[in-house]
Amino acid sequence: MPPEFAHLHLHTEYSILDGACRIDDALHAAASMGMKSLAITDHGVMYGVLSFYQQALKAGVKPVLGSEVYVARGSRLSREGGLDEQPYHLVLLALDNAGYRNLMRIVTRGFTEGFYYKPRVDLEVLRENSEGLVALSACLKGEVQQHLLARDRALAKKTISDYLELFGDEGFYLELMDHGIPEQAQVNMMLVELSREMGIGLVATNDVHYVRREDSKPH
């Protein structure tokens, strides 16, 4: 039997002006493909979580509740033009009720304390609310990937160490994506090397923004 696959990085219509996966459509497609689980990881928000949870149970798909949060390059309280307009991405998935509550706290503080163009958090917020959460290194806009693209391997390793300290040895994974983007192929090789060197788990994801191939053009 081949290993089961579940999408752990998916953007619904609640990733405003970005995601084009209607919740009911995405769940129906996942169920029709035999997927037993599906995650919701909208950008910086949890607007669709309740609807996703309810509809997933009806579809017979295990809902994995999460968010792809924006992490400030420095403090969430900073409002410096240019630098603070481009936060890093980080995927957070709730393992249990404690993780779900912490995820709500993180997302809320992104709006009430860190909002600057986008709802941002920082390492302080993550450290105070890390229980029950698993973190994935996200897309090319993730901090680890950004440092690798900048050829700063040492800083990439430090970032990994920081996240391992926050989420534990089994609470942080490096994401591998392949959408035919040259930079992804380049980064994936380095992520595999770092995984072996630092003993970090890898997870294969797809940065899902629409349900079917033919949805690409309207998206």
C-alpha atoms as a PDB file:
ATOM      1  CA  MET A   1       0.000   0.000   0.000  1.00  0.00           C
ATOM      2  CA  PRO A   2       1.399   3.455  -0.880  1.00  0.00           C
ATOM      3  CA  PRO A   3       1.580   5.958   1.980  1.00  0.00           C
ATOM      4  CA  GLU A   4      -1.495   8.130   2.379  1.00  0.00           C
ATOM      5  CA  PHE A   5      -1.194  11.742   1.262  1.00  0.00           C
ATOM      6  CA  ALA A   6      -2.952  14.734   2.772  1.00  0.00           C
ATOM      7  CA  HIS A   7      -2.701  18.355   1.698  1.00  0.00           C
ATOM      8  CA  LEU A   8      -1.368  20.329   4.671  1.00  0.00           C
ATOM      9  CA  HIS A   9      -1.020  23.701   2.922  1.00  0.00           C
ATOM     10  CA  LEU A  10      -4.257  24.959   1.386  1.00  0.00           C
ATOM     11  CA  HIS A  11      -5.751  28.403   0.846  1.00  0.00           C
ATOM     12  CA  THR A  12      -9.521  28.805   0.641  1.00  0.00           C
ATOM     13  CA  GLU A  13     -11.534  31.808  -0.490  1.00  0.00           C
ATOM     14  CA  TYR A  14     -10.786  33.284   2.946  1.00  0.00           C
ATOM     15  CA  SER A  15      -7.220  34.009   1.836  1.00  0.00           C
ATOM     16  CA  ILE A  16      -8.634  37.184   0.350  1.00  0.00           C
ATOM     17  CA  LEU A  17      -7.534  38.019  -3.217  1.00  0.00           C
ATOM     18  CA  ASP A  18      -5.255  34.980  -3.166  1.00  0.00           C
ATOM     19  CA  GLY A  19      -6.986  31.658  -2.476  1.00  0.00           C
ATOM     20  CA  ALA A  20      -9.577  30.287  -4.889  1.00  0.00           C
ATOM     21  CA  CYS A  21     -10.495  27.003  -3.183  1.00  0.00           C
ATOM     22  CA  ARG A  22     -14.155  27.008  -2.237  1.00  0.00           C
ATOM     23  CA  ILE A  23     -14.349  24.998   0.977  1.00  0.00           C
ATOM     24  CA  ASP A  24     -17.091  22.635  -0.167  1.00  0.00           C
ATOM     25  CA  ASP A  25     -15.423  22.102  -3.533  1.00  0.00           C
ATOM     26  CA  ALA A  26     -12.009  21.391  -2.002  1.00  0.00           C
ATOM     27  CA  LEU A  27     -13.445  18.889   0.472  1.00  0.00           C
ATOM     28  CA  HIS A  28     -15.484  17.138  -2.205  1.00  0.00           C
ATOM     29  CA  ALA A  29     -12.391  16.836  -4.416  1.00  0.00           C
ATOM     30  CA  ALA A  30     -10.284  15.508  -1.527  1.00  0.00           C
ATOM     31  CA  ALA A  31     -12.926  12.915  -0.623  1.00  0.00           C
ATOM     32  CA  SER A  32     -13.296  11.822  -4.249  1.00  0.00           C
ATOM     33  CA  MET A  33      -9.528  11.229  -4.406  1.00  0.00           C
ATOM     34  CA  GLY A  34      -9.628   9.082  -1.287  1.00  0.00           C
ATOM     35  CA  MET A  35      -7.871  11.589   0.954  1.00  0.00           C
ATOM     36  CA  LYS A  36      -8.749  11.016   4.583  1.00  0.00           C
ATOM     37  CA  SER A  37      -7.500  14.391   5.849  1.00  0.00           C
ATOM     38  CA  LEU A  38      -7.257  17.960   4.601  1.00  0.00           C
ATOM     39  CA  ALA A  39      -5.859  21.129   6.161  1.00  0.00           C
ATOM     40  CA  ILE A  40      -6.964  24.743   5.950  1.00  0.00           C
ATOM     41  CA  THR A  41      -4.115  27.268   6.179  1.00  0.00           C
ATOM     42  CA  ASP A  42      -5.394  30.652   5.105  1.00  0.00           C
ATOM     43  CA  HIS A  43      -3.070  33.642   5.137  1.00  0.00           C
ATOM     44  CA  GLY A  44      -2.980  35.190   8.596  1.00  0.00           C
ATOM     45  CA  VAL A  45      -6.632  34.429   9.379  1.00  0.00           C
ATOM     46  CA  MET A  46      -9.017  31.726  10.605  1.00  0.00           C
ATOM     47  CA  TYR A  47     -12.232  33.044   9.057  1.00  0.00           C
ATOM     48  CA  GLY A  48     -13.046  29.773   7.316  1.00  0.00           C
ATOM     49  CA  VAL A  49     -12.158  27.332  10.096  1.00  0.00           C
ATOM     50  CA  LEU A  50     -15.663  26.741  11.486  1.00  0.00           C
ATOM     51  CA  SER A  51     -17.255  26.182   8.085  1.00  0.00           C
ATOM     52  CA  PHE A  52     -14.320  23.991   7.036  1.00  0.00           C
ATOM     53  CA  TYR A  53     -14.617  21.876  10.190  1.00  0.00           C
ATOM     54  CA  GLN A  54     -18.361  21.364   9.874  1.00  0.00           C
ATOM     55  CA  GLN A  55     -18.274  20.550   6.167  1.00  0.00           C
ATOM     56  CA  ALA A  56     -15.262  18.259   6.532  1.00  0.00           C
ATOM     57  CA  LEU A  57     -17.078  16.086   9.051  1.00  0.00           C
ATOM     58  CA  LYS A  58     -20.042  15.797   6.681  1.00  0.00           C
ATOM     59  CA  ALA A  59     -17.704  14.846   3.831  1.00  0.00           C
ATOM     60  CA  GLY A  60     -15.968  12.183   5.930  1.00  0.00           C
ATOM     61  CA  VAL A  61     -12.636  14.011   5.792  1.00  0.00           C
ATOM     62  CA  LYS A  62     -10.600  14.694   8.939  1.00  0.00           C
ATOM     63  CA  PRO A  63     -10.180  18.486   9.243  1.00  0.00           C
ATOM     64  CA  VAL A  64      -6.732  19.797  10.126  1.00  0.00           C
ATOM     65  CA  LEU A  65      -7.095  23.357  11.373  1.00  0.00           C
ATOM     66  CA  GLY A  66      -4.306  25.822  10.768  1.00  0.00           C
ATOM     67  CA  SER A  67      -3.152  29.122   9.340  1.00  0.00           C
ATOM     68  CA  GLU A  68      -0.210  30.393   7.342  1.00  0.00           C
ATOM     69  CA  VAL A  69       0.757  33.260   9.596  1.00  0.00           C
ATOM     70  CA  TYR A  70       2.914  36.253   8.757  1.00  0.00           C
ATOM     71  CA  VAL A  71       6.050  36.529  10.921  1.00  0.00           C
ATOM     72  CA  ALA A  72       7.602  39.985  11.236  1.00  0.00           C
ATOM     73  CA  ARG A  73      11.254  40.235  10.274  1.00  0.00           C
ATOM     74  CA  GLY A  74      11.879  41.940  13.605  1.00  0.00           C
ATOM     75  CA  SER A  75       9.329  42.950  16.213  1.00  0.00           C
ATOM     76  CA  ARG A  76       5.599  42.789  15.466  1.00  0.00           C
ATOM     77  CA  LEU A  77       5.465  46.271  16.985  1.00  0.00           C
ATOM     78  CA  SER A  78       7.800  47.775  14.389  1.00  0.00           C
ATOM     79  CA  ARG A  79       6.286  49.871  11.589  1.00  0.00           C
ATOM     80  CA  GLU A  80       9.321  50.613   9.437  1.00  0.00           C
ATOM     81  CA  GLY A  81       8.470  51.184   5.785  1.00  0.00           C
ATOM     82  CA  GLY A  82       9.889  48.706   3.307  1.00  0.00           C
ATOM     83  CA  LEU A  83      11.315  46.101   5.679  1.00  0.00           C
ATOM     84  CA  ASP A  84       8.160  45.534   7.730  1.00  0.00           C
ATOM     85  CA  GLU A  85       5.966  45.327   4.635  1.00  0.00           C
ATOM     86  CA  GLN A  86       7.452  41.922   3.721  1.00  0.00           C
ATOM     87  CA  PRO A  87       6.994  39.480   6.623  1.00  0.00           C
ATOM     88  CA  TYR A  88       7.977  35.816   6.420  1.00  0.00           C
ATOM     89  CA  HIS A  89       5.435  33.006   6.077  1.00  0.00           C
ATOM     90  CA  LEU A  90       5.004  30.139   8.566  1.00  0.00           C
ATOM     91  CA  VAL A  91       2.390  27.375   8.522  1.00  0.00           C
ATOM     92  CA  LEU A  92       0.887  26.438  11.891  1.00  0.00           C
ATOM     93  CA  LEU A  93      -1.307  23.362  12.402  1.00  0.00           C
ATOM     94  CA  ALA A  94      -3.281  22.574  15.559  1.00  0.00           C
ATOM     95  CA  LEU A  95      -2.695  19.122  17.033  1.00  0.00           C
ATOM     96  CA  ASP A  96      -5.359  19.355  19.737  1.00  0.00           C
ATOM     97  CA  ASN A  97      -7.669  21.752  21.578  1.00  0.00           C
ATOM     98  CA  ALA A  98      -4.734  23.478  23.276  1.00  0.00           C
ATOM     99  CA  GLY A  99      -3.163  24.065  19.884  1.00  0.00           C
ATOM    100  CA  TYR A 100      -6.434  25.388  18.484  1.00  0.00           C
ATOM    101  CA  ARG A 101      -6.764  27.872  21.335  1.00  0.00           C
ATOM    102  CA  ASN A 102      -3.162  28.973  20.882  1.00  0.00           C
ATOM    103  CA  LEU A 103      -3.677  29.360  17.162  1.00  0.00           C
ATOM    104  CA  MET A 104      -6.619  31.668  17.840  1.00  0.00           C
ATOM    105  CA  ARG A 105      -4.475  33.703  20.225  1.00  0.00           C
ATOM    106  CA  ILE A 106      -1.651  33.987  17.694  1.00  0.00           C
ATOM    107  CA  VAL A 107      -3.930  35.077  14.859  1.00  0.00           C
ATOM    108  CA  THR A 108      -5.762  37.547  17.103  1.00  0.00           C
ATOM    109  CA  ARG A 109      -2.534  39.164  18.289  1.00  0.00           C
ATOM    110  CA  GLY A 110      -1.424  39.436  14.676  1.00  0.00           C
ATOM    111  CA  PHE A 111      -4.329  41.817  14.155  1.00  0.00           C
ATOM    112  CA  THR A 112      -4.504  43.612  17.515  1.00  0.00           C
ATOM    113  CA  GLU A 113      -0.759  44.107  18.036  1.00  0.00           C
ATOM    114  CA  GLY A 114       1.156  43.447  14.829  1.00  0.00           C
ATOM    115  CA  PHE A 115      -0.986  44.664  11.958  1.00  0.00           C
ATOM    116  CA  TYR A 116       1.002  46.575   9.353  1.00  0.00           C
ATOM    117  CA  TYR A 117      -0.267  45.900   5.823  1.00  0.00           C
ATOM    118  CA  LYS A 118      -0.786  42.333   7.087  1.00  0.00           C
ATOM    119  CA  PRO A 119      -1.541  40.767  10.491  1.00  0.00           C
ATOM    120  CA  ARG A 120       1.941  39.938  11.808  1.00  0.00           C
ATOM    121  CA  VAL A 121       3.290  38.046  14.796  1.00  0.00           C
ATOM    122  CA  ASP A 122       6.851  37.523  15.990  1.00  0.00           C
ATOM    123  CA  LEU A 123       8.911  34.963  17.905  1.00  0.00           C
ATOM    124  CA  GLU A 124       7.687  36.344  21.233  1.00  0.00           C
ATOM    125  CA  VAL A 125       4.051  35.644  20.335  1.00  0.00           C
ATOM    126  CA  LEU A 126       4.929  32.204  18.988  1.00  0.00           C
ATOM    127  CA  ARG A 127       6.958  31.346  22.076  1.00  0.00           C
ATOM    128  CA  GLU A 128       4.089  32.247  24.389  1.00  0.00           C
ATOM    129  CA  ASN A 129       1.559  30.190  22.420  1.00  0.00           C
ATOM    130  CA  SER A 130       3.429  27.225  20.947  1.00  0.00           C
ATOM    131  CA  GLU A 131       1.773  24.390  22.882  1.00  0.00           C
ATOM    132  CA  GLY A 132      -0.203  21.974  20.750  1.00  0.00           C
ATOM    133  CA  LEU A 133       1.057  23.342  17.451  1.00  0.00           C
ATOM    134  CA  VAL A 134       3.177  21.955  14.624  1.00  0.00           C
ATOM    135  CA  ALA A 135       5.001  24.416  12.388  1.00  0.00           C
ATOM    136  CA  LEU A 136       5.977  23.964   8.742  1.00  0.00           C
ATOM    137  CA  SER A 137       8.574  26.146   7.031  1.00  0.00           C
ATOM    138  CA  ALA A 138       6.067  27.305   4.378  1.00  0.00           C
ATOM    139  CA  CYS A 139       6.723  28.378   0.779  1.00  0.00           C
ATOM    140  CA  LEU A 140       9.568  30.336  -0.799  1.00  0.00           C
ATOM    141  CA  LYS A 141       8.514  33.246   1.420  1.00  0.00           C
ATOM    142  CA  GLY A 142       9.279  31.241   4.545  1.00  0.00           C
ATOM    143  CA  GLU A 143      12.219  32.492   6.570  1.00  0.00           C
ATOM    144  CA  VAL A 144      14.406  29.420   6.075  1.00  0.00           C
ATOM    145  CA  GLN A 145      13.848  29.494   2.327  1.00  0.00           C
ATOM    146  CA  GLN A 146      14.487  33.232   2.121  1.00  0.00           C
ATOM    147  CA  HIS A 147      17.862  32.840   3.809  1.00  0.00           C
ATOM    148  CA  LEU A 148      18.783  29.951   1.515  1.00  0.00           C
ATOM    149  CA  LEU A 149      17.861  31.996  -1.548  1.00  0.00           C
ATOM    150  CA  ALA A 150      20.124  34.742  -0.184  1.00  0.00           C
ATOM    151  CA  ARG A 151      22.936  32.164   0.128  1.00  0.00           C
ATOM    152  CA  ASP A 152      23.057  32.587   3.908  1.00  0.00           C
ATOM    153  CA  ARG A 153      23.125  28.979   5.052  1.00  0.00           C
ATOM    154  CA  ALA A 154      24.281  29.875   8.555  1.00  0.00           C
ATOM    155  CA  LEU A 155      21.259  32.111   9.121  1.00  0.00           C
ATOM    156  CA  ALA A 156      18.976  29.433   7.705  1.00  0.00           C
ATOM    157  CA  LYS A 157      20.373  26.958  10.256  1.00  0.00           C
ATOM    158  CA  LYS A 158      19.920  29.476  13.066  1.00  0.00           C
ATOM    159  CA  THR A 159      16.300  30.003  12.008  1.00  0.00           C
ATOM    160  CA  ILE A 160      15.694  26.248  12.087  1.00  0.00           C
ATOM    161  CA  SER A 161      17.254  26.078  15.559  1.00  0.00           C
ATOM    162  CA  ASP A 162      15.023  28.925  16.746  1.00  0.00           C
ATOM    163  CA  TYR A 163      11.878  27.154  15.546  1.00  0.00           C
ATOM    164  CA  LEU A 164      13.001  23.841  17.041  1.00  0.00           C
ATOM    165  CA  GLU A 165      13.428  25.630  20.356  1.00  0.00           C
ATOM    166  CA  LEU A 166       9.898  27.028  20.075  1.00  0.00           C
ATOM    167  CA  PHE A 167       8.034  23.952  18.846  1.00  0.00           C
ATOM    168  CA  GLY A 168      10.229  21.037  19.916  1.00  0.00           C
ATOM    169  CA  ASP A 169      12.162  18.418  17.950  1.00  0.00           C
ATOM    170  CA  GLU A 170       8.970  16.908  16.529  1.00  0.00           C
ATOM    171  CA  GLY A 171       7.132  20.196  16.138  1.00  0.00           C
ATOM    172  CA  PHE A 172       8.909  21.790  13.187  1.00  0.00           C
ATOM    173  CA  TYR A 173       9.267  20.430   9.649  1.00  0.00           C
ATOM    174  CA  LEU A 174      10.857  21.658   6.442  1.00  0.00           C
ATOM    175  CA  GLU A 175       8.446  21.911   3.506  1.00  0.00           C
ATOM    176  CA  LEU A 176       9.320  20.645   0.057  1.00  0.00           C
ATOM    177  CA  MET A 177       7.295  22.071  -2.846  1.00  0.00           C
ATOM    178  CA  ASP A 178       7.595  21.550  -6.586  1.00  0.00           C
ATOM    179  CA  HIS A 179       5.464  23.739  -8.828  1.00  0.00           C
ATOM    180  CA  GLY A 180       7.987  23.941 -11.639  1.00  0.00           C
ATOM    181  CA  ILE A 181       9.536  27.078 -10.158  1.00  0.00           C
ATOM    182  CA  PRO A 182      13.353  27.060 -10.576  1.00  0.00           C
ATOM    183  CA  GLU A 183      13.917  28.577  -7.132  1.00  0.00           C
ATOM    184  CA  GLN A 184      11.963  25.759  -5.519  1.00  0.00           C
ATOM    185  CA  ALA A 185      14.152  23.098  -7.102  1.00  0.00           C
ATOM    186  CA  GLN A 186      17.205  25.014  -5.930  1.00  0.00           C
ATOM    187  CA  VAL A 187      15.914  25.411  -2.372  1.00  0.00           C
ATOM    188  CA  ASN A 188      14.631  21.830  -2.113  1.00  0.00           C
ATOM    189  CA  MET A 189      18.128  20.431  -2.559  1.00  0.00           C
ATOM    190  CA  MET A 190      19.411  22.623   0.267  1.00  0.00           C
ATOM    191  CA  LEU A 191      16.438  21.751   2.503  1.00  0.00           C
ATOM    192  CA  VAL A 192      17.147  18.037   2.062  1.00  0.00           C
ATOM    193  CA  GLU A 193      20.794  18.648   2.972  1.00  0.00           C
ATOM    194  CA  LEU A 194      19.811  20.589   6.093  1.00  0.00           C
ATOM    195  CA  SER A 195      17.308  17.887   7.023  1.00  0.00           C
ATOM    196  CA  ARG A 196      20.032  15.264   6.990  1.00  0.00           C
ATOM    197  CA  GLU A 197      22.557  17.481   8.734  1.00  0.00           C
ATOM    198  CA  MET A 198      20.241  18.662  11.525  1.00  0.00           C
ATOM    199  CA  GLY A 199      17.929  15.660  11.807  1.00  0.00           C
ATOM    200  CA  ILE A 200      14.842  17.663  10.805  1.00  0.00           C
ATOM    201  CA  GLY A 201      11.799  15.991   9.292  1.00  0.00           C
ATOM    202  CA  LEU A 202      10.648  16.810   5.766  1.00  0.00           C
ATOM    203  CA  VAL A 203       7.068  17.160   4.572  1.00  0.00           C
ATOM    204  CA  ALA A 204       5.971  17.256   0.931  1.00  0.00           C
ATOM    205  CA  THR A 205       3.269  19.860   0.370  1.00  0.00           C
ATOM    206  CA  ASN A 206       1.591  21.700  -2.474  1.00  0.00           C
ATOM    207  CA  ASP A 207       0.823  25.396  -2.069  1.00  0.00           C
ATOM    208  CA  VAL A 208      -2.822  24.804  -2.983  1.00  0.00           C
ATOM    209  CA  HIS A 209      -4.666  27.904  -4.186  1.00  0.00           C
ATOM    210  CA  TYR A 210      -7.241  26.294  -6.494  1.00  0.00           C
ATOM    211  CA  VAL A 211      -8.847  22.875  -6.794  1.00  0.00           C
ATOM    212  CA  ARG A 212      -8.408  21.821 -10.433  1.00  0.00           C
ATOM    213  CA  ARG A 213      -5.756  22.369 -13.069  1.00  0.00           C
ATOM    214  CA  GLU A 214      -8.232  24.268 -15.240  1.00  0.00           C
ATOM    215  CA  ASP A 215      -8.808  26.725 -12.366  1.00  0.00           C
ATOM    216  CA  SER A 216      -5.324  28.129 -12.899  1.00  0.00           C
ATOM    217  CA  LYS A 217      -6.303  30.777 -15.435  1.00  0.00           C
ATOM    218  CA  PRO A 218      -9.205  32.347 -13.483  1.00  0.00           C
ATOM    219  CA  HIS A 219      -7.077  32.233 -10.326  1.00  0.00           C
END
